[in-house]
Protein backbone atom coordinates (compact mmCIF):
# COMPACT_ATOMS: atom_id res chain seq x y z
CA UNK A 1 -0.39 -6.85 10.56
CA UNK A 2 1.64 -9.88 9.49
CA UNK A 3 5.41 -9.56 9.61
CA UNK A 4 7.02 -11.48 6.71
CA UNK A 5 9.15 -14.49 7.60
CA UNK A 6 12.43 -15.07 5.79
CA UNK A 7 13.13 -18.41 4.13
CA UNK A 8 16.04 -20.29 5.67
CA UNK A 9 19.11 -20.90 3.54
CA UNK A 10 20.67 -24.35 4.15
CA UNK A 11 24.08 -22.67 4.40
CA UNK A 12 23.43 -21.02 7.77
CA UNK A 13 25.98 -19.41 10.01
CA UNK A 14 26.24 -20.37 13.66
CA UNK A 15 23.48 -17.98 14.66
CA UNK A 16 20.99 -19.54 12.25
CA UNK A 17 20.70 -16.40 10.13
CA UNK A 18 20.60 -16.44 6.35
CA UNK A 19 23.07 -14.48 4.28
CA UNK A 20 20.34 -12.16 3.01
CA UNK A 21 19.32 -11.28 6.57
CA UNK A 22 22.94 -10.62 7.51
CA UNK A 23 23.34 -8.30 4.52
CA UNK A 24 20.17 -6.46 5.47
CA UNK A 25 21.42 -6.10 9.04
CA UNK A 26 24.69 -4.60 7.87
CA UNK A 27 22.90 -2.29 5.44
CA UNK A 28 20.55 -1.16 8.19
CA UNK A 29 23.46 -0.50 10.56
CA UNK A 30 25.27 1.52 7.88
CA UNK A 31 22.19 3.61 7.02
CA UNK A 32 21.53 4.15 10.73
CA UNK A 33 25.05 5.53 11.20
CA UNK A 34 24.93 7.74 8.10
CA UNK A 35 21.63 9.35 9.07
CA UNK A 36 22.82 9.78 12.65
CA UNK A 37 25.90 11.61 11.36
CA UNK A 38 23.68 13.97 9.35
CA UNK A 39 21.43 14.61 12.35
CA UNK A 40 24.36 15.28 14.69
CA UNK A 41 25.94 17.63 12.15
CA UNK A 42 22.90 19.73 11.29
CA UNK A 43 20.37 19.43 14.14
CA UNK A 44 22.26 19.18 17.46
CA UNK A 45 20.89 21.54 20.08
CA UNK A 46 21.97 20.08 23.41
CA UNK A 47 25.57 19.02 23.02
CA UNK A 48 25.05 15.49 21.79
CA UNK A 49 21.24 15.45 21.44
CA UNK A 50 19.59 16.07 18.05
CA UNK A 51 16.12 17.54 17.56
CA UNK A 52 15.80 15.07 14.68
CA UNK A 53 16.78 11.39 14.80
CA UNK A 54 15.83 9.84 11.42
CA UNK A 55 17.67 6.64 12.29
CA UNK A 56 14.81 5.59 14.57
CA UNK A 57 12.31 5.98 11.75
CA UNK A 58 14.44 3.95 9.33
CA UNK A 59 14.92 1.22 11.94
CA UNK A 60 11.19 0.87 12.62
CA UNK A 61 10.34 0.82 8.91
CA UNK A 62 12.99 -1.86 8.28
CA UNK A 63 11.58 -4.13 10.99
CA UNK A 64 8.01 -3.59 9.78
CA UNK A 65 8.92 -4.39 6.18
CA UNK A 66 11.52 -7.14 6.56
CA UNK A 67 10.92 -8.68 9.96
CA UNK A 68 12.02 -8.23 13.54
CA UNK A 69 15.05 -10.47 13.00
CA UNK A 70 16.87 -7.36 11.75
CA UNK A 71 17.05 -5.92 15.28
CA UNK A 72 20.79 -6.71 15.64
CA UNK A 73 21.35 -4.28 12.76
CA UNK A 74 19.66 -1.56 14.81
CA UNK A 75 21.83 -2.42 17.82
CA UNK A 76 25.02 -2.41 15.74
CA UNK A 77 24.17 0.92 14.10
CA UNK A 78 23.21 2.54 17.41
CA UNK A 79 26.31 1.25 19.20
CA UNK A 80 28.63 2.38 16.41
CA UNK A 81 26.98 5.79 16.36
CA UNK A 82 27.29 6.30 20.09
CA UNK A 83 30.91 5.13 20.19
CA UNK A 84 32.46 6.68 17.09
CA UNK A 85 30.18 9.51 15.96
CA UNK A 86 29.15 10.94 19.32
CA UNK A 87 32.13 9.66 21.29
CA UNK A 88 30.49 8.21 24.40
CA UNK A 89 32.39 5.79 26.69
CA UNK A 90 31.78 2.09 25.97
CA UNK A 91 29.38 1.38 28.85
CA UNK A 92 27.37 4.52 28.21
CA UNK A 93 27.32 3.79 24.48
CA UNK A 94 26.09 0.24 25.14
CA UNK A 95 23.26 1.49 27.37
CA UNK A 96 22.18 4.10 24.83
CA UNK A 97 22.33 1.58 21.98
CA UNK A 98 20.25 -0.89 23.98
CA UNK A 99 17.65 1.82 24.62
CA UNK A 100 17.49 2.77 20.94
CA UNK A 101 17.04 -0.87 19.94
CA UNK A 102 14.45 -1.55 22.61
CA UNK A 103 12.55 1.56 21.46
CA UNK A 104 12.13 0.10 17.98
CA UNK A 105 11.16 -3.35 19.29
CA UNK A 106 8.59 -1.86 21.67
CA UNK A 107 7.15 0.23 18.83
CA UNK A 108 6.98 -2.88 16.64
CA UNK A 109 5.28 -4.88 19.41
CA UNK A 110 2.71 -2.14 20.08
CA UNK A 111 1.83 -1.86 16.40
CA UNK A 112 1.60 -5.61 15.85
CA UNK A 113 -0.82 -5.96 18.77
CA UNK A 114 -3.07 -3.08 17.74
CA UNK A 115 -4.25 -4.22 14.30
CA UNK A 116 -1.75 -2.02 12.45
CA UNK A 117 -1.47 -2.36 8.66
CA UNK A 118 1.92 -1.24 7.31
CA UNK A 119 0.39 -0.15 3.99
CA UNK A 120 -0.96 2.99 5.74
CA UNK A 121 -4.16 2.96 3.73
CA UNK A 122 -6.35 3.94 6.71
CA UNK A 123 -6.20 6.92 9.03
CA UNK A 124 -6.35 4.45 11.91
CA UNK A 125 -2.99 2.97 10.86
CA UNK A 126 -1.29 6.34 10.56
CA UNK A 127 -2.58 7.47 13.96
CA UNK A 128 -1.43 4.19 15.53
CA UNK A 129 2.03 4.79 14.09
CA UNK A 130 2.00 8.43 15.18
CA UNK A 131 0.95 7.84 18.79
CA UNK A 132 2.10 4.30 19.69
CA UNK A 133 5.47 4.30 17.95
CA UNK A 134 6.06 8.04 17.72
CA UNK A 135 4.82 9.28 21.09
CA UNK A 136 5.00 6.25 23.40
CA UNK A 137 7.78 3.93 22.22
CA UNK A 138 10.28 6.77 21.97
CA UNK A 139 10.05 7.24 25.74
CA UNK A 140 12.04 4.01 26.10
CA UNK A 141 15.22 5.32 24.48
CA UNK A 142 14.76 8.73 26.11
CA UNK A 143 14.66 7.36 29.64
CA UNK A 144 17.43 4.83 28.96
CA UNK A 145 19.78 7.28 27.23
CA UNK A 146 19.34 10.19 29.61
CA UNK A 147 19.57 7.83 32.57
CA UNK A 148 22.85 6.39 31.28
CA UNK A 149 24.36 9.86 30.81
CA UNK A 150 23.21 10.94 34.28
CA UNK A 151 24.63 7.84 35.99
CA UNK A 152 27.99 8.35 34.30
CA UNK A 153 28.12 11.93 35.59
CA UNK A 154 28.00 13.66 32.21
CA UNK A 155 25.05 15.86 33.14
CA UNK A 156 24.01 18.08 35.99
CA UNK A 157 20.63 17.17 37.43
CA UNK A 158 19.12 20.52 36.50
CA UNK A 159 19.84 19.84 32.79
CA UNK A 160 18.10 16.45 32.71
CA UNK A 161 14.51 17.64 31.97
CA UNK A 162 15.57 19.82 29.02
CA UNK A 163 17.88 17.12 27.64
CA UNK A 164 15.20 14.43 28.01
CA UNK A 165 12.67 16.63 26.19
CA UNK A 166 14.96 17.23 23.21
CA UNK A 167 16.00 13.57 23.09
CA UNK A 168 12.37 12.46 23.00
CA UNK A 169 11.42 15.11 20.44
CA UNK A 170 14.21 14.02 18.09
CA UNK A 171 13.14 10.39 18.14
CA UNK A 172 9.46 11.29 17.76
CA UNK A 173 10.14 13.41 14.68
CA UNK A 174 12.26 10.63 13.20
CA UNK A 175 9.44 8.11 13.62
CA UNK A 176 6.68 10.44 12.44
CA UNK A 177 8.52 11.79 9.40
CA UNK A 178 10.69 8.95 8.09
CA UNK A 179 8.72 5.76 8.80
CA UNK A 180 5.57 6.74 6.83
CA UNK A 181 7.66 7.81 3.84
CA UNK A 182 9.44 4.45 3.66
CA UNK A 183 6.27 2.41 4.22
CA UNK A 184 4.26 4.29 1.60
CA UNK A 185 6.99 4.22 -1.06
CA UNK A 186 7.31 0.47 -0.57
CA UNK A 187 3.81 0.26 -2.12
CA UNK A 188 3.74 0.76 -5.92
CA UNK A 189 0.04 1.49 -6.43
CA UNK A 190 0.24 5.28 -6.79
CA UNK A 191 3.83 5.84 -7.93
CA UNK A 192 2.76 5.31 -11.54
CA UNK A 193 0.77 8.56 -11.43
CA UNK A 194 4.01 10.54 -11.44
CA UNK A 195 5.03 9.08 -14.80
CA UNK A 196 1.52 9.26 -16.26
CA UNK A 197 1.25 12.93 -15.27
CA UNK A 198 4.85 13.81 -15.96
CA UNK A 199 4.31 17.44 -16.99
CA UNK A 200 2.00 18.10 -14.06
CA UNK A 201 4.36 16.47 -11.57
CA UNK A 202 7.27 18.58 -12.89
CA UNK A 203 5.17 21.75 -12.51
CA UNK A 204 4.13 20.79 -8.98
CA UNK A 205 7.63 19.94 -7.80
CA UNK A 206 9.21 23.00 -9.44
CA UNK A 207 6.71 25.48 -8.01
CA UNK A 208 6.70 23.81 -4.59
CA UNK A 209 10.52 23.74 -4.51
CA UNK A 210 10.78 27.42 -5.44
CA UNK A 211 8.20 28.38 -2.83
CA UNK A 212 10.14 26.37 -0.24
CA UNK A 213 13.41 28.11 -1.07
CA UNK A 214 11.72 31.48 -0.59
CA UNK A 215 10.15 30.55 2.75
CA UNK A 216 12.78 28.32 4.33
CA UNK A 217 16.09 29.39 2.74
CA UNK A 218 15.43 33.09 2.19
CA UNK A 219 15.73 33.22 -1.61
CA UNK A 220 14.26 36.56 -2.82
CA UNK A 221 10.70 36.33 -4.11
CA UNK A 222 9.83 37.76 -7.51
CA UNK A 223 7.21 39.98 -5.85
CA UNK A 224 8.21 42.13 -2.86
CA UNK A 225 6.05 40.24 -0.33
CA UNK A 226 6.98 38.85 3.06
CA UNK A 227 7.18 35.01 2.81
CA UNK A 228 4.40 33.25 4.73
CA UNK A 229 4.29 29.59 5.67
CA UNK A 230 0.70 29.13 4.48
CA UNK A 231 1.93 29.59 0.90
CA UNK A 232 2.82 25.90 0.84
CA UNK A 233 -0.73 24.75 1.71
CA UNK A 234 -2.01 24.80 -1.92
CA UNK A 235 0.85 22.55 -2.97
CA UNK A 236 -0.09 19.97 -0.35
CA UNK A 237 -3.70 20.06 -1.50
CA UNK A 238 -2.58 19.71 -5.12
CA UNK A 239 -0.30 16.79 -4.26
CA UNK A 240 -2.96 15.02 -2.18
CA UNK A 241 -5.68 15.35 -4.83
CA UNK A 242 -3.57 14.44 -7.84
CA UNK A 243 -0.73 12.26 -6.53
CA UNK A 244 -2.07 10.79 -3.30
CA UNK A 245 0.04 9.72 -0.35
CA UNK A 246 3.20 9.42 -2.42
CA UNK A 247 2.93 13.02 -3.59
CA UNK A 248 2.42 14.25 -0.04
CA UNK A 249 5.49 12.40 1.26
CA UNK A 250 7.66 13.93 -1.48
CA UNK A 251 6.66 17.44 -0.40
CA UNK A 252 7.09 16.63 3.29
CA UNK A 253 10.62 15.36 2.70
CA UNK A 254 11.54 18.29 0.44
CA UNK A 255 10.27 20.95 2.84
CA UNK A 256 11.97 19.25 5.77
CA UNK A 257 15.34 19.32 4.03
CA UNK A 258 14.88 22.93 2.96
CA UNK A 259 13.82 24.08 6.43
CA UNK A 260 16.67 22.20 8.13
CA UNK A 261 19.16 23.73 5.70
CA UNK A 262 17.74 27.18 6.36
CA UNK A 263 17.90 26.71 10.13
CA UNK A 264 21.49 25.42 9.94
CA UNK A 265 22.63 28.34 7.77
CA UNK A 266 20.61 31.02 9.56
CA UNK A 267 18.28 31.86 6.69
CA UNK A 268 14.53 31.68 6.11
CA UNK A 269 11.75 31.65 8.69
CA UNK A 270 13.74 29.41 11.06
CA UNK A 271 16.91 31.52 10.78
CA UNK A 272 17.14 32.21 14.53
CA UNK A 273 15.32 29.15 15.82
CA UNK A 274 18.54 27.41 16.93
CA UNK A 275 19.38 30.26 19.30
CA UNK A 276 15.87 31.34 20.28
CA UNK A 277 14.06 28.05 21.00
CA UNK A 278 16.50 25.20 20.35
CA UNK A 279 14.50 24.32 17.22
CA UNK A 280 11.24 23.91 19.14
CA UNK A 281 9.35 25.98 16.55
CA UNK A 282 10.96 23.87 13.81
CA UNK A 283 9.87 20.68 15.58
CA UNK A 284 6.26 21.78 16.16
CA UNK A 285 5.97 23.03 12.59
CA UNK A 286 6.93 19.65 11.14
CA UNK A 287 4.93 17.60 13.65
CA UNK A 288 1.74 19.55 12.97
CA UNK A 289 2.47 19.74 9.24
CA UNK A 290 3.08 16.01 8.95
CA UNK A 291 -0.06 15.19 10.91
CA UNK A 292 -2.24 17.52 8.83
CA UNK A 293 -0.77 16.58 5.43
CA UNK A 294 -0.84 12.82 6.02
CA UNK A 295 -4.36 13.03 7.42
CA UNK A 296 -5.49 14.82 4.25
CA UNK A 297 -3.77 12.35 1.92
CA UNK A 298 -4.91 9.19 3.71
CA UNK A 299 -8.47 10.50 4.17
CA UNK A 300 -8.68 11.08 0.41
CA UNK A 301 -7.22 7.64 -0.20
CA UNK A 302 -9.80 6.07 2.12
CA UNK A 303 -12.62 7.92 0.36
CA UNK A 304 -11.43 6.83 -3.08
CA UNK A 305 -10.93 3.26 -1.91
CA UNK A 306 -14.39 3.17 -0.34
CA UNK A 307 -15.93 4.44 -3.57
CA UNK A 308 -14.09 1.81 -5.56
CA UNK A 309 -15.18 -0.91 -3.11
CA UNK A 310 -18.81 0.20 -3.37
CA UNK A 311 -18.58 0.11 -7.16
CA UNK A 312 -16.92 -3.31 -7.00
CA UNK A 313 -19.64 -4.71 -4.74
CA UNK A 314 -22.40 -3.21 -6.88
CA UNK A 315 -21.12 -4.44 -10.24
CA UNK A 316 -19.07 -7.57 -9.55
CA UNK A 317 -19.87 -10.95 -8.09
CA UNK A 318 -18.47 -11.20 -4.55
CA UNK A 319 -17.41 -14.84 -4.94
CA UNK A 320 -15.83 -15.06 -8.40
CA UNK A 321 -14.96 -11.42 -9.10
CA UNK A 322 -16.77 -11.63 -12.46
CA UNK A 323 -19.25 -8.97 -13.57
CA UNK A 324 -22.66 -9.54 -11.96
CA UNK A 325 -26.16 -9.20 -13.40
CA UNK A 326 -26.15 -5.40 -13.06
CA UNK A 327 -22.90 -4.92 -14.97
CA UNK A 328 -23.96 -7.63 -17.44
CA UNK A 329 -27.05 -5.60 -18.32
CA UNK A 330 -24.89 -2.55 -18.98
CA UNK A 331 -22.38 -4.48 -21.10
CA UNK A 332 -25.21 -6.02 -23.11
CA UNK A 333 -26.74 -2.59 -23.77
CA UNK A 334 -23.38 -1.24 -24.97
CA UNK A 335 -22.80 -4.25 -27.21
CA UNK A 336 -26.31 -4.07 -28.64
CA UNK A 337 -25.96 -0.34 -29.39
CA UNK A 338 -22.65 -0.96 -31.19
CA UNK A 339 -24.15 -3.88 -33.13
CA UNK A 340 -27.10 -1.77 -34.27
CA UNK A 341 -24.88 1.12 -35.27
CA UNK A 342 -22.46 -1.05 -37.24
CA UNK A 343 -25.01 -3.66 -38.37
CA UNK A 344 -23.09 -6.44 -36.69
CA UNK A 345 -24.01 -9.56 -34.80
CA UNK A 346 -22.84 -10.98 -31.49
CA UNK A 347 -23.28 -14.26 -29.62
CA UNK A 348 -24.54 -15.06 -26.15
CA UNK A 349 -23.47 -18.33 -24.51
CA UNK A 350 -25.55 -19.45 -21.52
CA UNK A 351 -23.58 -21.93 -19.37
CA UNK A 352 -24.91 -24.14 -16.59
CA UNK A 353 -22.76 -26.66 -14.69
CA UNK A 354 -23.99 -30.27 -14.82
CA UNK A 355 -24.48 -31.95 -11.44
CA UNK A 356 -23.36 -28.98 -9.35
CA UNK A 357 -26.16 -29.47 -6.81
CA UNK A 358 -24.89 -32.99 -6.12
CA UNK A 359 -21.41 -31.64 -5.42
CA UNK A 360 -22.86 -29.07 -3.00
CA UNK A 361 -24.91 -31.76 -1.24
CA UNK A 362 -22.02 -34.22 -1.06
CA UNK A 363 -19.00 -32.07 -0.24
CA UNK A 364 -20.66 -28.96 1.17
CA UNK A 365 -21.29 -25.40 0.09
CA UNK A 366 -17.75 -24.25 0.92
CA UNK A 367 -16.27 -26.73 -1.56
CA UNK A 368 -18.95 -25.76 -4.06
CA UNK A 369 -17.91 -22.11 -3.76
CA UNK A 370 -14.27 -23.04 -4.31
CA UNK A 371 -15.27 -24.98 -7.42
CA UNK A 372 -17.22 -21.99 -8.79
CA UNK A 373 -14.18 -19.75 -8.28
CA UNK A 374 -11.96 -22.17 -10.21
CA UNK A 375 -14.50 -22.50 -13.01
CA UNK A 376 -14.74 -18.70 -13.26
CA UNK A 377 -10.96 -18.42 -13.43
CA UNK A 378 -10.76 -21.02 -16.19
CA UNK A 379 -13.44 -19.27 -18.21
CA UNK A 380 -11.59 -15.96 -17.85
CA UNK A 381 -8.36 -17.56 -19.01
CA UNK A 382 -10.04 -19.26 -21.98
CA UNK A 383 -12.03 -16.43 -23.52
CA UNK A 384 -10.76 -13.44 -25.48
CA UNK A 385 -10.10 -10.03 -23.94
CA UNK A 386 -13.04 -8.61 -25.93
CA UNK A 387 -15.51 -11.14 -24.47
CA UNK A 388 -17.59 -10.42 -21.38
CA UNK A 389 -18.01 -13.23 -18.83
CA UNK A 390 -20.63 -12.84 -16.11
CA UNK A 391 -21.99 -14.92 -13.28
CA UNK A 392 -25.72 -14.28 -13.17
CA UNK A 393 -26.60 -16.63 -10.31
CA UNK A 394 -25.82 -19.98 -8.71
CA UNK A 395 -23.83 -22.09 -11.15
CA UNK A 396 -24.93 -20.12 -14.22
CA UNK A 397 -22.56 -18.04 -16.36
CA UNK A 398 -23.18 -15.97 -19.48
CA UNK A 399 -20.59 -15.01 -22.09
CA UNK A 400 -21.07 -12.21 -24.61
CA UNK A 401 -18.87 -12.60 -27.70
CA UNK A 402 -18.70 -9.79 -30.28
CA UNK A 403 -17.13 -10.07 -33.72
CA UNK A 404 -17.83 -13.75 -34.28
CA UNK A 405 -17.21 -15.03 -37.79
CA UNK A 406 -19.67 -17.88 -38.31
CA UNK A 407 -21.65 -20.66 -36.63
CA UNK A 408 -18.54 -22.83 -36.87
CA UNK A 409 -16.59 -20.21 -34.97
CA UNK A 410 -19.20 -20.26 -32.19
CA UNK A 411 -19.02 -24.06 -32.01
CA UNK A 412 -15.23 -23.91 -31.82
CA UNK A 413 -15.30 -21.39 -28.96
CA UNK A 414 -17.96 -23.41 -27.13
CA UNK A 415 -15.90 -26.58 -27.51
CA UNK A 416 -12.98 -24.75 -25.86
CA UNK A 417 -15.24 -23.84 -22.96
CA UNK A 418 -16.53 -27.39 -22.61
CA UNK A 419 -13.03 -28.83 -22.69
CA UNK A 420 -11.79 -26.29 -20.14
CA UNK A 421 -14.64 -26.93 -17.70
CA UNK A 422 -14.41 -30.72 -17.75
CA UNK A 423 -10.73 -30.87 -16.80
CA UNK A 424 -10.35 -32.27 -13.23
CA UNK A 425 -10.36 -29.90 -10.24
CA UNK A 426 -8.68 -30.42 -6.89
CA UNK A 427 -10.80 -29.03 -4.04
CA UNK A 428 -9.59 -29.56 -0.45
CA UNK A 429 -7.87 -32.78 -1.43
CA UNK A 430 -10.83 -34.08 -3.50
CA UNK A 431 -10.50 -34.52 -7.26
CA UNK A 432 -13.70 -33.36 -8.92
CA UNK A 433 -14.79 -33.64 -12.54
CA UNK A 434 -17.73 -31.61 -13.78
CA UNK A 435 -19.20 -30.78 -17.18
CA UNK A 436 -21.27 -27.93 -18.57
CA UNK A 437 -24.34 -27.49 -20.74
CA UNK A 438 -24.25 -24.52 -23.10
CA UNK A 439 -26.96 -22.77 -25.08
CA UNK A 440 -26.16 -20.13 -27.70
CA UNK A 441 -28.19 -17.30 -29.17
CA UNK A 442 -27.22 -14.80 -31.87
CA UNK A 443 -28.22 -11.14 -31.91
CA UNK A 444 -30.47 -10.07 -33.63
CA UNK A 445 -31.47 -13.45 -35.11
CA UNK A 446 -32.81 -14.88 -31.83
CA UNK A 447 -33.87 -11.67 -30.14
CA UNK A 448 -33.50 -7.90 -30.25
CA UNK A 449 -33.42 -7.27 -26.51
CA UNK A 450 -31.85 -8.65 -23.36
CA UNK A 451 -34.83 -10.68 -22.16
CA UNK A 452 -35.43 -12.24 -25.56
CA UNK A 453 -31.75 -13.22 -25.93
CA UNK A 454 -31.58 -14.68 -22.42
CA UNK A 455 -34.75 -16.73 -22.96
CA UNK A 456 -33.48 -18.07 -26.28
CA UNK A 457 -30.06 -19.01 -24.89
CA UNK A 458 -31.63 -20.47 -21.73
CA UNK A 459 -33.97 -22.72 -23.74
CA UNK A 460 -31.03 -23.92 -25.82
CA UNK A 461 -29.02 -24.61 -22.66
CA UNK A 462 -31.82 -26.78 -21.21
CA UNK A 463 -31.97 -28.68 -24.48
CA UNK A 464 -28.25 -29.48 -24.03
CA UNK A 465 -28.88 -30.58 -20.45
CA UNK A 466 -31.81 -32.81 -21.46
CA UNK A 467 -29.59 -34.47 -24.06
CA UNK A 468 -27.08 -35.49 -21.39
CA UNK A 469 -25.04 -32.32 -20.88
CA UNK A 470 -21.47 -31.57 -21.87
CA UNK A 471 -22.59 -30.13 -25.18
CA UNK A 472 -23.67 -26.99 -27.06
CA UNK A 473 -27.14 -26.37 -28.47
CA UNK A 474 -28.13 -23.41 -30.61
CA UNK A 475 -31.36 -21.48 -30.24
């Protein structure tokens, strides 16, 4: 993964940090403190240790998204939390804050050196986050924090193992729950589905919320049945199938809040979990639930992406991104069927670049490929949205143009293509000028099938080339 680098403002402070980075640091420190206050208030089970520490998850997500230069914001937030929210002595607070900051930096380092992609589009990336940052990196703050409290005499030695376990569990849950939510919602690709399926999303969220209140908060159910946790499984499946990773994270966050509220108020299935297990059941429920739900959502995303990639490779040219010969055949068949049904005509332009082989031989195939990509982009920008532009091989392109008005209209469009192609290109520091030869054929005048149209347009194109190129010839 590549961590983004911030641009440097000329008006730097003495530490060489830009104003935007300083603002992000302060915002991160403030959010860290606010979430820590919530965790200490609602999820403290061992005096000053919380079974949930969302601040660690926010800190890791911030460094992944905006760069490791925000680490002082983590340190400031952790130090302020330890001093003023928890009330530790200054030296102890400094040691704990250092451990919390080092935890995030170690997690960041482990992820950066393991091929991690912060978009979380592969199961591999989620599992790397879960195990490297969630399970391993959190040991750093656990050992540092518990060690600092032990050295200052705050704890009896027999309490250290239990305190260390709860400390580690809180940071793990923070990383596993909060970081994926922030990383996924930074990506806009699936959020649009909520607005496109507004009624369905309202139904999903309403039913899922009501089911959560019955299970986790103890709201009476309309039917006299004992609430069971597996009732929420269909909602996760629904969310994963219809709303992807973003839908899953919404449900995970909602059920976490509901279950924490129920545990804090002594209602729902975790009503006695504070007293009975110190929220161990609560912790295992959310760890296993997050792992299962995110695995389902990302596996579906991978499958859909793989299917789209296979379709892309099968129907589009790998170099230019234009439709290839296979998709061209399909588009031609659709256009021909519409033309027959409506008794219309359409035009085929067959384009071949003049002197392209010489450019390949002189500058190399890499530069030739770059030139083809630029030509394809120019053709796409020049033609209408209703036109189909295909690369059918080498330096040959075909354009299908429906709804043309007359032969003069075809000549005008072809002149636009010729003018676009012959404008200079800059390829790896070389300025290149190239022209094109174009042959045109009209359906059904010059052929009533694909092969006949291609042969007619191809013959016309070679006539243009034999006459010196940079021109249009009609079949």
